[in-house]
Amino acid sequence: MFYGAIVVPVGTMVLGSESLQGFVTQSVTNYLNIIGFLALIIWLGELILQRDTLKIRRNIRWAILILLIVMMCLLGWLHMRLDQLLDAETYVISNSDLFTRLHSWYLIIITIQWAFSLVLVGLTIWAWRDAQLFNSKSR
């Protein structure tokens, strides 16, 4: 959120061009995607290790995690396609129309991914709270 809300607009202002900022974003999103995959691996571990007391909540959490993994893979594929359209040496986009369409899909998917991640965070905190209450009652 910080990158999209702060870094991109400031970078565009400093560099004087959305296209030039796009070449910065091209490199930065490699790191963001790696961090995203690591976060999903941690969440996978959390779901495997944590015994959720509500079966429906556990199933929803698993479904959301699987959806997030699929979206992350799709974002990785889109990122590679977008990279193919950018020439980092000349700062030229080889097919602006295709780039715009693919980039729009990238932004839509990442927004949906962000929303589902917030739901997963909420469900995870709820599960942790229930586990803590369950553990304190069983003592």
N, C-alpha and C. Protein backbone atom coordinates (compact mmCIF):
# COMPACT_ATOMS: atom_id res chain seq x y z
N MET A 1 0.82 -1.18 0.00
CA MET A 1 0.00 0.00 0.00
C MET A 1 0.87 1.25 0.00
N PHE A 2 1.92 1.24 0.83
CA PHE A 2 2.81 2.39 0.91
C PHE A 2 3.44 2.68 -0.46
N TYR A 3 3.87 1.63 -1.13
CA TYR A 3 4.53 1.82 -2.43
C TYR A 3 3.57 2.46 -3.42
N GLY A 4 2.35 1.92 -3.51
CA GLY A 4 1.38 2.45 -4.47
C GLY A 4 0.89 3.84 -4.12
N ALA A 5 0.72 4.10 -2.82
CA ALA A 5 0.16 5.37 -2.39
C ALA A 5 1.19 6.49 -2.29
N ILE A 6 2.44 6.15 -1.99
CA ILE A 6 3.45 7.18 -1.74
C ILE A 6 4.59 7.13 -2.76
N VAL A 7 5.23 5.98 -2.88
CA VAL A 7 6.45 5.89 -3.70
C VAL A 7 6.17 6.17 -5.17
N VAL A 8 5.13 5.57 -5.72
CA VAL A 8 4.85 5.77 -7.16
C VAL A 8 4.55 7.24 -7.47
N PRO A 9 3.63 7.90 -6.74
CA PRO A 9 3.39 9.31 -7.06
C PRO A 9 4.62 10.20 -6.85
N VAL A 10 5.37 9.96 -5.78
CA VAL A 10 6.57 10.77 -5.53
C VAL A 10 7.62 10.50 -6.61
N GLY A 11 7.82 9.23 -6.96
CA GLY A 11 8.76 8.89 -8.02
C GLY A 11 8.39 9.52 -9.34
N THR A 12 7.11 9.53 -9.66
CA THR A 12 6.64 10.16 -10.90
C THR A 12 6.92 11.66 -10.86
N MET A 13 6.69 12.28 -9.71
CA MET A 13 6.93 13.72 -9.58
C MET A 13 8.43 14.02 -9.71
N VAL A 14 9.27 13.26 -9.02
CA VAL A 14 10.72 13.51 -9.04
C VAL A 14 11.31 13.23 -10.42
N LEU A 15 10.89 12.11 -11.03
CA LEU A 15 11.44 11.73 -12.34
C LEU A 15 10.79 12.50 -13.48
N GLY A 16 9.60 13.07 -13.23
CA GLY A 16 8.91 13.85 -14.24
C GLY A 16 8.21 13.03 -15.29
N SER A 17 8.03 11.72 -15.05
CA SER A 17 7.42 10.88 -16.07
C SER A 17 6.87 9.60 -15.45
N GLU A 18 5.62 9.27 -15.82
CA GLU A 18 5.06 8.00 -15.38
C GLU A 18 5.82 6.83 -15.98
N SER A 19 6.29 6.99 -17.23
CA SER A 19 7.03 5.92 -17.89
C SER A 19 8.33 5.62 -17.16
N LEU A 20 9.07 6.67 -16.80
CA LEU A 20 10.33 6.45 -16.08
C LEU A 20 10.06 5.81 -14.72
N GLN A 21 9.00 6.26 -14.03
CA GLN A 21 8.64 5.64 -12.75
C GLN A 21 8.30 4.17 -12.97
N GLY A 22 7.70 3.85 -14.10
CA GLY A 22 7.36 2.47 -14.42
C GLY A 22 8.59 1.58 -14.50
N PHE A 23 9.69 2.12 -14.98
CA PHE A 23 10.92 1.33 -15.05
C PHE A 23 11.51 1.08 -13.65
N VAL A 24 11.30 2.04 -12.73
CA VAL A 24 11.70 1.82 -11.34
C VAL A 24 10.80 0.73 -10.74
N THR A 25 9.50 0.86 -10.97
CA THR A 25 8.53 -0.11 -10.46
C THR A 25 8.82 -1.50 -10.99
N GLN A 26 9.26 -1.60 -12.23
CA GLN A 26 9.60 -2.89 -12.83
C GLN A 26 10.60 -3.64 -11.95
N SER A 27 11.60 -2.96 -11.46
CA SER A 27 12.61 -3.59 -10.62
C SER A 27 12.11 -3.83 -9.20
N VAL A 28 11.42 -2.87 -8.64
CA VAL A 28 10.97 -2.95 -7.26
C VAL A 28 9.95 -4.08 -7.09
N THR A 29 9.07 -4.26 -8.07
CA THR A 29 8.04 -5.29 -7.93
C THR A 29 8.63 -6.69 -7.91
N ASN A 30 9.83 -6.88 -8.42
CA ASN A 30 10.49 -8.18 -8.25
C ASN A 30 10.64 -8.50 -6.77
N TYR A 31 11.09 -7.52 -6.00
CA TYR A 31 11.26 -7.70 -4.56
C TYR A 31 9.91 -7.83 -3.85
N LEU A 32 8.94 -7.02 -4.26
CA LEU A 32 7.61 -7.11 -3.66
C LEU A 32 7.00 -8.49 -3.88
N ASN A 33 7.18 -9.05 -5.07
CA ASN A 33 6.64 -10.38 -5.37
C ASN A 33 7.34 -11.45 -4.54
N ILE A 34 8.65 -11.33 -4.36
CA ILE A 34 9.38 -12.29 -3.52
C ILE A 34 8.88 -12.22 -2.08
N ILE A 35 8.72 -11.02 -1.57
CA ILE A 35 8.20 -10.83 -0.21
C ILE A 35 6.79 -11.41 -0.11
N GLY A 36 5.98 -11.21 -1.15
CA GLY A 36 4.62 -11.76 -1.17
C GLY A 36 4.62 -13.27 -1.10
N PHE A 37 5.49 -13.91 -1.88
CA PHE A 37 5.59 -15.38 -1.84
C PHE A 37 6.05 -15.85 -0.45
N LEU A 38 7.00 -15.15 0.14
CA LEU A 38 7.47 -15.52 1.49
C LEU A 38 6.34 -15.39 2.51
N ALA A 39 5.55 -14.34 2.39
CA ALA A 39 4.41 -14.15 3.30
C ALA A 39 3.41 -15.29 3.15
N LEU A 40 3.18 -15.72 1.92
CA LEU A 40 2.24 -16.82 1.70
C LEU A 40 2.78 -18.13 2.26
N ILE A 41 4.08 -18.33 2.19
CA ILE A 41 4.69 -19.53 2.77
C ILE A 41 4.53 -19.51 4.29
N ILE A 42 4.74 -18.35 4.90
CA ILE A 42 4.57 -18.22 6.35
C ILE A 42 3.12 -18.50 6.72
N TRP A 43 2.18 -17.96 5.94
CA TRP A 43 0.76 -18.19 6.20
C TRP A 43 0.40 -19.66 6.05
N LEU A 44 1.00 -20.31 5.07
CA LEU A 44 0.79 -21.74 4.89
C LEU A 44 1.23 -22.50 6.14
N GLY A 45 2.40 -22.15 6.64
CA GLY A 45 2.90 -22.77 7.87
C GLY A 45 1.98 -22.52 9.05
N GLU A 46 1.47 -21.31 9.14
CA GLU A 46 0.55 -20.96 10.23
C GLU A 46 -0.71 -21.82 10.15
N LEU A 47 -1.25 -21.98 8.95
CA LEU A 47 -2.47 -22.77 8.79
C LEU A 47 -2.22 -24.25 9.08
N ILE A 48 -1.06 -24.74 8.71
CA ILE A 48 -0.74 -26.14 8.98
C ILE A 48 -0.56 -26.38 10.47
N LEU A 49 0.12 -25.46 11.16
CA LEU A 49 0.46 -25.66 12.57
C LEU A 49 -0.66 -25.30 13.54
N GLN A 50 -1.49 -24.34 13.16
CA GLN A 50 -2.50 -23.85 14.09
C GLN A 50 -3.78 -24.67 13.98
N ARG A 51 -4.29 -25.11 15.11
CA ARG A 51 -5.54 -25.89 15.16
C ARG A 51 -6.69 -24.91 15.34
N ASP A 52 -7.37 -24.58 14.25
CA ASP A 52 -8.51 -23.67 14.32
C ASP A 52 -9.70 -24.42 14.91
N THR A 53 -10.36 -23.82 15.89
CA THR A 53 -11.48 -24.47 16.56
C THR A 53 -12.77 -24.46 15.74
N LEU A 54 -12.87 -23.58 14.77
CA LEU A 54 -14.05 -23.51 13.90
C LEU A 54 -13.72 -24.08 12.52
N LYS A 55 -14.38 -25.17 12.17
CA LYS A 55 -14.08 -25.84 10.90
C LYS A 55 -14.38 -24.93 9.70
N ILE A 56 -15.48 -24.21 9.73
CA ILE A 56 -15.85 -23.33 8.60
C ILE A 56 -14.81 -22.23 8.41
N ARG A 57 -14.34 -21.68 9.53
CA ARG A 57 -13.32 -20.62 9.45
C ARG A 57 -12.02 -21.20 8.89
N ARG A 58 -11.64 -22.39 9.36
CA ARG A 58 -10.44 -23.03 8.85
C ARG A 58 -10.56 -23.27 7.34
N ASN A 59 -11.71 -23.75 6.87
CA ASN A 59 -11.91 -23.99 5.45
C ASN A 59 -11.87 -22.70 4.63
N ILE A 60 -12.46 -21.65 5.16
CA ILE A 60 -12.43 -20.35 4.46
C ILE A 60 -11.00 -19.84 4.39
N ARG A 61 -10.26 -19.98 5.50
CA ARG A 61 -8.86 -19.52 5.51
C ARG A 61 -8.04 -20.29 4.47
N TRP A 62 -8.23 -21.61 4.39
CA TRP A 62 -7.52 -22.40 3.39
C TRP A 62 -7.91 -21.98 1.97
N ALA A 63 -9.19 -21.75 1.74
CA ALA A 63 -9.65 -21.35 0.41
C ALA A 63 -9.04 -20.00 0.01
N ILE A 64 -9.02 -19.07 0.96
CA ILE A 64 -8.43 -17.76 0.67
C ILE A 64 -6.93 -17.90 0.39
N LEU A 65 -6.24 -18.70 1.20
CA LEU A 65 -4.80 -18.87 0.97
C LEU A 65 -4.54 -19.47 -0.41
N ILE A 66 -5.30 -20.46 -0.79
CA ILE A 66 -5.12 -21.06 -2.13
C ILE A 66 -5.39 -20.02 -3.21
N LEU A 67 -6.44 -19.23 -3.03
CA LEU A 67 -6.74 -18.16 -3.98
C LEU A 67 -5.59 -17.16 -4.05
N LEU A 68 -5.02 -16.79 -2.90
CA LEU A 68 -3.90 -15.85 -2.88
C LEU A 68 -2.67 -16.42 -3.59
N ILE A 69 -2.43 -17.71 -3.42
CA ILE A 69 -1.29 -18.35 -4.10
C ILE A 69 -1.51 -18.35 -5.61
N VAL A 70 -2.73 -18.67 -6.04
CA VAL A 70 -3.04 -18.65 -7.48
C VAL A 70 -2.85 -17.23 -8.03
N MET A 71 -3.35 -16.24 -7.29
CA MET A 71 -3.20 -14.85 -7.76
C MET A 71 -1.73 -14.44 -7.78
N MET A 72 -0.95 -14.90 -6.82
CA MET A 72 0.47 -14.56 -6.80
C MET A 72 1.17 -15.15 -8.02
N CYS A 73 0.83 -16.37 -8.37
CA CYS A 73 1.40 -16.99 -9.57
C CYS A 73 0.99 -16.22 -10.82
N LEU A 74 -0.27 -15.82 -10.88
CA LEU A 74 -0.75 -15.04 -12.02
C LEU A 74 -0.03 -13.69 -12.10
N LEU A 75 0.18 -13.06 -10.95
CA LEU A 75 0.92 -11.80 -10.93
C LEU A 75 2.36 -11.99 -11.40
N GLY A 76 2.98 -13.10 -11.00
CA GLY A 76 4.33 -13.39 -11.46
C GLY A 76 4.38 -13.54 -12.98
N TRP A 77 3.39 -14.26 -13.53
CA TRP A 77 3.32 -14.44 -14.98
C TRP A 77 3.10 -13.10 -15.68
N LEU A 78 2.16 -12.29 -15.16
CA LEU A 78 1.90 -10.97 -15.75
C LEU A 78 3.14 -10.09 -15.68
N HIS A 79 3.85 -10.17 -14.57
CA HIS A 79 5.07 -9.36 -14.41
C HIS A 79 6.09 -9.72 -15.49
N MET A 80 6.25 -11.02 -15.76
CA MET A 80 7.19 -11.44 -16.81
C MET A 80 6.74 -10.93 -18.18
N ARG A 81 5.42 -10.98 -18.44
CA ARG A 81 4.90 -10.49 -19.72
C ARG A 81 5.13 -8.98 -19.85
N LEU A 82 4.89 -8.25 -18.76
CA LEU A 82 5.12 -6.81 -18.77
C LEU A 82 6.59 -6.49 -18.98
N ASP A 83 7.47 -7.26 -18.33
CA ASP A 83 8.91 -7.06 -18.50
C ASP A 83 9.34 -7.21 -19.96
N GLN A 84 8.71 -8.14 -20.66
CA GLN A 84 9.05 -8.37 -22.07
C GLN A 84 8.73 -7.16 -22.94
N LEU A 85 7.82 -6.32 -22.48
CA LEU A 85 7.41 -5.15 -23.25
C LEU A 85 8.23 -3.91 -22.91
N LEU A 86 9.11 -4.03 -21.92
CA LEU A 86 9.92 -2.88 -21.49
C LEU A 86 11.37 -3.07 -21.90
N ASP A 87 11.94 -2.03 -22.49
CA ASP A 87 13.37 -2.04 -22.81
C ASP A 87 14.06 -1.11 -21.81
N ALA A 88 14.73 -1.70 -20.83
CA ALA A 88 15.34 -0.94 -19.74
C ALA A 88 16.51 -0.07 -20.20
N GLU A 89 17.12 -0.40 -21.34
CA GLU A 89 18.26 0.40 -21.82
C GLU A 89 17.79 1.69 -22.49
N THR A 90 16.71 1.62 -23.24
CA THR A 90 16.22 2.80 -23.97
C THR A 90 15.01 3.45 -23.31
N TYR A 91 14.49 2.81 -22.25
CA TYR A 91 13.27 3.27 -21.58
C TYR A 91 12.10 3.42 -22.55
N VAL A 92 11.92 2.38 -23.37
CA VAL A 92 10.85 2.36 -24.36
C VAL A 92 9.93 1.17 -24.07
N ILE A 93 8.63 1.40 -24.21
CA ILE A 93 7.63 0.33 -24.11
C ILE A 93 7.32 -0.09 -25.54
N SER A 94 7.57 -1.37 -25.84
CA SER A 94 7.46 -1.83 -27.23
C SER A 94 6.03 -1.90 -27.74
N ASN A 95 5.06 -2.15 -26.88
CA ASN A 95 3.66 -2.21 -27.29
C ASN A 95 2.83 -1.58 -26.17
N SER A 96 2.60 -0.28 -26.28
CA SER A 96 1.94 0.47 -25.21
C SER A 96 0.52 -0.01 -24.94
N ASP A 97 -0.22 -0.35 -26.00
CA ASP A 97 -1.61 -0.80 -25.81
C ASP A 97 -1.66 -2.11 -25.00
N LEU A 98 -0.84 -3.07 -25.40
CA LEU A 98 -0.80 -4.35 -24.68
C LEU A 98 -0.30 -4.14 -23.25
N PHE A 99 0.72 -3.30 -23.10
CA PHE A 99 1.25 -3.02 -21.77
C PHE A 99 0.16 -2.44 -20.88
N THR A 100 -0.61 -1.49 -21.40
CA THR A 100 -1.68 -0.86 -20.62
C THR A 100 -2.73 -1.87 -20.20
N ARG A 101 -3.13 -2.76 -21.13
CA ARG A 101 -4.13 -3.78 -20.79
C ARG A 101 -3.60 -4.74 -19.73
N LEU A 102 -2.38 -5.24 -19.93
CA LEU A 102 -1.81 -6.18 -18.97
C LEU A 102 -1.58 -5.52 -17.61
N HIS A 103 -1.13 -4.28 -17.62
CA HIS A 103 -0.89 -3.57 -16.38
C HIS A 103 -2.20 -3.32 -15.63
N SER A 104 -3.26 -3.04 -16.37
CA SER A 104 -4.58 -2.87 -15.74
C SER A 104 -5.01 -4.16 -15.04
N TRP A 105 -4.81 -5.30 -15.69
CA TRP A 105 -5.12 -6.59 -15.06
C TRP A 105 -4.25 -6.81 -13.84
N TYR A 106 -2.99 -6.45 -13.94
CA TYR A 106 -2.07 -6.60 -12.80
C TYR A 106 -2.61 -5.82 -11.60
N LEU A 107 -3.02 -4.57 -11.84
CA LEU A 107 -3.52 -3.73 -10.75
C LEU A 107 -4.83 -4.26 -10.18
N ILE A 108 -5.70 -4.77 -11.03
CA ILE A 108 -6.97 -5.35 -10.56
C ILE A 108 -6.69 -6.56 -9.68
N ILE A 109 -5.84 -7.46 -10.16
CA ILE A 109 -5.55 -8.69 -9.41
C ILE A 109 -4.88 -8.38 -8.09
N ILE A 110 -3.93 -7.45 -8.09
CA ILE A 110 -3.24 -7.14 -6.84
C ILE A 110 -4.17 -6.46 -5.84
N THR A 111 -5.15 -5.71 -6.33
CA THR A 111 -6.14 -5.10 -5.44
C THR A 111 -7.04 -6.16 -4.82
N ILE A 112 -7.49 -7.11 -5.63
CA ILE A 112 -8.30 -8.23 -5.12
C ILE A 112 -7.48 -9.04 -4.11
N GLN A 113 -6.22 -9.28 -4.44
CA GLN A 113 -5.33 -10.03 -3.54
C GLN A 113 -5.20 -9.29 -2.20
N TRP A 114 -5.03 -8.00 -2.26
CA TRP A 114 -4.91 -7.19 -1.04
C TRP A 114 -6.18 -7.31 -0.20
N ALA A 115 -7.35 -7.23 -0.83
CA ALA A 115 -8.62 -7.31 -0.09
C ALA A 115 -8.77 -8.68 0.58
N PHE A 116 -8.48 -9.75 -0.15
CA PHE A 116 -8.57 -11.09 0.43
C PHE A 116 -7.53 -11.28 1.54
N SER A 117 -6.38 -10.66 1.40
CA SER A 117 -5.36 -10.74 2.45
C SER A 117 -5.86 -10.10 3.74
N LEU A 118 -6.58 -8.99 3.62
CA LEU A 118 -7.14 -8.36 4.81
C LEU A 118 -8.16 -9.27 5.48
N VAL A 119 -8.99 -9.93 4.68
CA VAL A 119 -9.95 -10.88 5.24
C VAL A 119 -9.22 -12.02 5.95
N LEU A 120 -8.16 -12.52 5.32
CA LEU A 120 -7.39 -13.60 5.92
C LEU A 120 -6.73 -13.15 7.23
N VAL A 121 -6.24 -11.94 7.27
CA VAL A 121 -5.67 -11.40 8.51
C VAL A 121 -6.74 -11.38 9.61
N GLY A 122 -7.91 -10.86 9.27
CA GLY A 122 -8.98 -10.81 10.26
C GLY A 122 -9.38 -12.18 10.76
N LEU A 123 -9.54 -13.14 9.85
CA LEU A 123 -9.89 -14.50 10.25
C LEU A 123 -8.79 -15.16 11.08
N THR A 124 -7.55 -14.86 10.75
CA THR A 124 -6.42 -15.42 11.49
C THR A 124 -6.37 -14.86 12.91
N ILE A 125 -6.56 -13.57 13.05
CA ILE A 125 -6.59 -12.96 14.38
C ILE A 125 -7.75 -13.53 15.20
N TRP A 126 -8.88 -13.70 14.57
CA TRP A 126 -10.05 -14.29 15.24
C TRP A 126 -9.71 -15.71 15.71
N ALA A 127 -9.07 -16.50 14.85
CA ALA A 127 -8.68 -17.87 15.22
C ALA A 127 -7.68 -17.86 16.37
N TRP A 128 -6.73 -16.95 16.33
CA TRP A 128 -5.75 -16.85 17.42
C TRP A 128 -6.45 -16.51 18.74
N ARG A 129 -7.38 -15.57 18.67
CA ARG A 129 -8.11 -15.17 19.88
C ARG A 129 -8.89 -16.35 20.44
N ASP A 130 -9.60 -17.08 19.55
CA ASP A 130 -10.35 -18.25 20.00
C ASP A 130 -9.42 -19.32 20.59
N ALA A 131 -8.27 -19.53 19.98
CA ALA A 131 -7.31 -20.51 20.50
C ALA A 131 -6.81 -20.10 21.88
N GLN A 132 -6.57 -18.81 22.03
CA GLN A 132 -6.10 -18.31 23.33
C GLN A 132 -7.19 -18.49 24.39
N LEU A 133 -8.44 -18.18 24.04
CA LEU A 133 -9.54 -18.36 24.97
C LEU A 133 -9.73 -19.83 25.31
N PHE A 134 -9.62 -20.69 24.30
CA PHE A 134 -9.77 -22.13 24.51
C PHE A 134 -8.67 -22.64 25.43
N ASN A 135 -7.44 -22.21 25.19
CA ASN A 135 -6.31 -22.65 26.01
C ASN A 135 -6.41 -22.15 27.45
N SER A 136 -6.91 -20.93 27.64
CA SER A 136 -7.03 -20.39 29.00
C SER A 136 -8.16 -21.08 29.76
N LYS A 137 -9.21 -21.53 29.07
CA LYS A 137 -10.31 -22.23 29.72
C LYS A 137 -9.94 -23.66 30.09
N SER A 138 -9.04 -24.27 29.31
CA SER A 138 -8.68 -25.67 29.57
C SER A 138 -7.63 -25.82 30.65
N ARG A 139 -7.13 -24.74 31.18
CA ARG A 139 -6.12 -24.82 32.24
C ARG A 139 -6.72 -25.04 33.57
